[in-house]
Amino acid sequence: MLRTIMIGSCVFVQGIHVRNTNDGKVVVRVDEKLFVGRPVST
């Protein structure tokens, strides 16, 4: 499932959902890289 996350104050990343962390952040995968950030509400 595709998820969009926000890294910092104005950088957004969209990728494949990998997992949720204990502090409420989301990990997504883009190609071979993993990104962690706050989920963007729909």
PDB file of N, CA and C in Angstrom:
ATOM      1  N   MET A   1       0.839  -1.159   0.000  1.00  0.00           N
ATOM      2  CA  MET A   1       0.000   0.000   0.000  1.00  0.00           C
ATOM      3  C   MET A   1       0.895   1.236   0.000  1.00  0.00           C
ATOM      4  N   LEU A   2       0.579   2.201  -0.824  1.00  0.00           N
ATOM      5  CA  LEU A   2       1.333   3.446  -0.872  1.00  0.00           C
ATOM      6  C   LEU A   2       0.975   4.331   0.313  1.00  0.00           C
ATOM      7  N   ARG A   3       1.994   4.948   0.904  1.00  0.00           N
ATOM      8  CA  ARG A   3       1.790   5.890   1.996  1.00  0.00           C
ATOM      9  C   ARG A   3       2.615   7.133   1.721  1.00  0.00           C
ATOM     10  N   THR A   4       2.121   8.270   2.166  1.00  0.00           N
ATOM     11  CA  THR A   4       2.850   9.524   2.064  1.00  0.00           C
ATOM     12  C   THR A   4       3.245   9.955   3.458  1.00  0.00           C
ATOM     13  N   ILE A   5       4.530  10.312   3.622  1.00  0.00           N
ATOM     14  CA  ILE A   5       5.016  10.767   4.914  1.00  0.00           C
ATOM     15  C   ILE A   5       5.674  12.128   4.744  1.00  0.00           C
ATOM     16  N   MET A   6       5.779  12.848   5.858  1.00  0.00           N
ATOM     17  CA  MET A   6       6.435  14.146   5.849  1.00  0.00           C
ATOM     18  C   MET A   6       7.719  14.036   6.657  1.00  0.00           C
ATOM     19  N   ILE A   7       8.812  14.449   6.011  1.00  0.00           N
ATOM     20  CA  ILE A   7      10.119  14.464   6.657  1.00  0.00           C
ATOM     21  C   ILE A   7      10.506  15.921   6.828  1.00  0.00           C
ATOM     22  N   GLY A   8      10.749  16.337   8.045  1.00  0.00           N
ATOM     23  CA  GLY A   8      11.049  17.743   8.294  1.00  0.00           C
ATOM     24  C   GLY A   8       9.792  18.582   8.197  1.00  0.00           C
ATOM     25  N   SER A   9       9.932  19.826   7.708  1.00  0.00           N
ATOM     26  CA  SER A   9       8.777  20.719   7.681  1.00  0.00           C
ATOM     27  C   SER A   9       8.110  20.797   6.313  1.00  0.00           C
ATOM     28  N   CYS A  10       8.814  20.420   5.238  1.00  0.00           N
ATOM     29  CA  CYS A  10       8.196  20.588   3.921  1.00  0.00           C
ATOM     30  C   CYS A  10       8.643  19.550   2.887  1.00  0.00           C
ATOM     31  N   VAL A  11       9.229  18.454   3.306  1.00  0.00           N
ATOM     32  CA  VAL A  11       9.657  17.402   2.376  1.00  0.00           C
ATOM     33  C   VAL A  11       8.722  16.216   2.528  1.00  0.00           C
ATOM     34  N   PHE A  12       8.088  15.814   1.423  1.00  0.00           N
ATOM     35  CA  PHE A  12       7.165  14.689   1.423  1.00  0.00           C
ATOM     36  C   PHE A  12       7.756  13.544   0.616  1.00  0.00           C
ATOM     37  N   VAL A  13       7.526  12.308   1.082  1.00  0.00           N
ATOM     38  CA  VAL A  13       7.995  11.106   0.395  1.00  0.00           C
ATOM     39  C   VAL A  13       6.815  10.160   0.277  1.00  0.00           C
ATOM     40  N   GLN A  14       6.646   9.575  -0.906  1.00  0.00           N
ATOM     41  CA  GLN A  14       5.583   8.593  -1.109  1.00  0.00           C
ATOM     42  C   GLN A  14       6.229   7.286  -1.504  1.00  0.00           C
ATOM     43  N   GLY A  15       5.865   6.209  -0.786  1.00  0.00           N
ATOM     44  CA  GLY A  15       6.443   4.908  -1.068  1.00  0.00           C
ATOM     45  C   GLY A  15       5.602   3.792  -0.500  1.00  0.00           C
ATOM     46  N   ILE A  16       6.148   2.589  -0.583  1.00  0.00           N
ATOM     47  CA  ILE A  16       5.462   1.386  -0.113  1.00  0.00           C
ATOM     48  C   ILE A  16       5.576   1.306   1.416  1.00  0.00           C
ATOM     49  N   HIS A  17       4.428   1.111   2.078  1.00  0.00           N
ATOM     50  CA  HIS A  17       4.396   1.020   3.544  1.00  0.00           C
ATOM     51  C   HIS A  17       5.164  -0.213   3.993  1.00  0.00           C
ATOM     52  N   VAL A  18       6.108  -0.023   4.930  1.00  0.00           N
ATOM     53  CA  VAL A  18       6.891  -1.128   5.481  1.00  0.00           C
ATOM     54  C   VAL A  18       6.402  -1.474   6.881  1.00  0.00           C
ATOM     55  N   ARG A  19       6.374  -0.480   7.763  1.00  0.00           N
ATOM     56  CA  ARG A  19       5.918  -0.728   9.141  1.00  0.00           C
ATOM     57  C   ARG A  19       5.653   0.601   9.848  1.00  0.00           C
ATOM     58  N   ASN A  20       4.988   0.504  10.993  1.00  0.00           N
ATOM     59  CA  ASN A  20       4.784   1.635  11.893  1.00  0.00           C
ATOM     60  C   ASN A  20       5.776   1.500  13.041  1.00  0.00           C
ATOM     61  N   THR A  21       6.270   2.625  13.533  1.00  0.00           N
ATOM     62  CA  THR A  21       7.169   2.593  14.680  1.00  0.00           C
ATOM     63  C   THR A  21       6.368   2.815  15.956  1.00  0.00           C
ATOM     64  N   ASN A  22       7.006   2.589  17.097  1.00  0.00           N
ATOM     65  CA  ASN A  22       6.329   2.730  18.392  1.00  0.00           C
ATOM     66  C   ASN A  22       5.950   4.172  18.700  1.00  0.00           C
ATOM     67  N   ASP A  23       6.661   5.143  18.104  1.00  0.00           N
ATOM     68  CA  ASP A  23       6.383   6.552  18.396  1.00  0.00           C
ATOM     69  C   ASP A  23       5.412   7.184  17.404  1.00  0.00           C
ATOM     70  N   GLY A  24       4.740   6.364  16.588  1.00  0.00           N
ATOM     71  CA  GLY A  24       3.707   6.872  15.686  1.00  0.00           C
ATOM     72  C   GLY A  24       4.185   7.241  14.299  1.00  0.00           C
ATOM     73  N   LYS A  25       5.460   7.066  14.021  1.00  0.00           N
ATOM     74  CA  LYS A  25       5.972   7.367  12.688  1.00  0.00           C
ATOM     75  C   LYS A  25       5.777   6.166  11.773  1.00  0.00           C
ATOM     76  N   VAL A  26       5.975   6.398  10.464  1.00  0.00           N
ATOM     77  CA  VAL A  26       5.765   5.362   9.455  1.00  0.00           C
ATOM     78  C   VAL A  26       7.052   5.195   8.656  1.00  0.00           C
ATOM     79  N   VAL A  27       7.374   3.956   8.321  1.00  0.00           N
ATOM     80  CA  VAL A  27       8.538   3.650   7.485  1.00  0.00           C
ATOM     81  C   VAL A  27       8.022   3.263   6.108  1.00  0.00           C
ATOM     82  N   VAL A  28       8.554   3.928   5.057  1.00  0.00           N
ATOM     83  CA  VAL A  28       8.199   3.591   3.680  1.00  0.00           C
ATOM     84  C   VAL A  28       9.468   3.267   2.898  1.00  0.00           C
ATOM     85  N   ARG A  29       9.302   2.467   1.843  1.00  0.00           N
ATOM     86  CA  ARG A  29      10.419   2.065   0.998  1.00  0.00           C
ATOM     87  C   ARG A  29      10.248   2.665  -0.386  1.00  0.00           C
ATOM     88  N   VAL A  30      11.315   3.293  -0.874  1.00  0.00           N
ATOM     89  CA  VAL A  30      11.369   3.804  -2.248  1.00  0.00           C
ATOM     90  C   VAL A  30      12.599   3.179  -2.879  1.00  0.00           C
ATOM     91  N   ASP A  31      12.393   2.302  -3.854  1.00  0.00           N
ATOM     92  CA  ASP A  31      13.474   1.496  -4.443  1.00  0.00           C
ATOM     93  C   ASP A  31      14.160   0.715  -3.326  1.00  0.00           C
ATOM     94  N   GLU A  32      15.423   1.001  -3.029  1.00  0.00           N
ATOM     95  CA  GLU A  32      16.153   0.277  -1.987  1.00  0.00           C
ATOM     96  C   GLU A  32      16.306   1.093  -0.706  1.00  0.00           C
ATOM     97  N   LYS A  33      15.744   2.300  -0.658  1.00  0.00           N
ATOM     98  CA  LYS A  33      15.936   3.179   0.494  1.00  0.00           C
ATOM     99  C   LYS A  33      14.708   3.186   1.395  1.00  0.00           C
ATOM    100  N   LEU A  34      14.949   3.281   2.707  1.00  0.00           N
ATOM    101  CA  LEU A  34      13.873   3.385   3.680  1.00  0.00           C
ATOM    102  C   LEU A  34      13.844   4.798   4.235  1.00  0.00           C
ATOM    103  N   PHE A  35      12.638   5.354   4.383  1.00  0.00           N
ATOM    104  CA  PHE A  35      12.445   6.689   4.918  1.00  0.00           C
ATOM    105  C   PHE A  35      11.489   6.609   6.099  1.00  0.00           C
ATOM    106  N   VAL A  36      11.755   7.395   7.134  1.00  0.00           N
ATOM    107  CA  VAL A  36      10.922   7.435   8.329  1.00  0.00           C
ATOM    108  C   VAL A  36      10.402   8.844   8.498  1.00  0.00           C
ATOM    109  N   GLY A  37       9.092   8.967   8.740  1.00  0.00           N
ATOM    110  CA  GLY A  37       8.511  10.295   8.938  1.00  0.00           C
ATOM    111  C   GLY A  37       7.110  10.196   9.488  1.00  0.00           C
ATOM    112  N   ARG A  38       6.503  11.361   9.668  1.00  0.00           N
ATOM    113  CA  ARG A  38       5.137  11.421  10.181  1.00  0.00           C
ATOM    114  C   ARG A  38       4.156  11.173   9.040  1.00  0.00           C
ATOM    115  N   PRO A  39       3.112  10.378   9.280  1.00  0.00           N
ATOM    116  CA  PRO A  39       2.129  10.118   8.230  1.00  0.00           C
ATOM    117  C   PRO A  39       1.335  11.377   7.884  1.00  0.00           C
ATOM    118  N   VAL A  40       0.978  11.517   6.612  1.00  0.00           N
ATOM    119  CA  VAL A  40       0.141  12.629   6.154  1.00  0.00           C
ATOM    120  C   VAL A  40      -1.293  12.143   6.141  1.00  0.00           C
ATOM    121  N   SER A  41      -2.179  12.895   6.805  1.00  0.00           N
ATOM    122  CA  SER A  41      -3.569  12.471   6.865  1.00  0.00           C
ATOM    123  C   SER A  41      -4.255  12.712   5.521  1.00  0.00           C
ATOM    124  N   THR A  42      -5.235  11.887   5.228  1.00  0.00           N
ATOM    125  CA  THR A  42      -5.948  12.002   3.955  1.00  0.00           C
ATOM    126  C   THR A  42      -7.169  12.881   4.081  1.00  0.00           C
TER     127      THR A  42
END
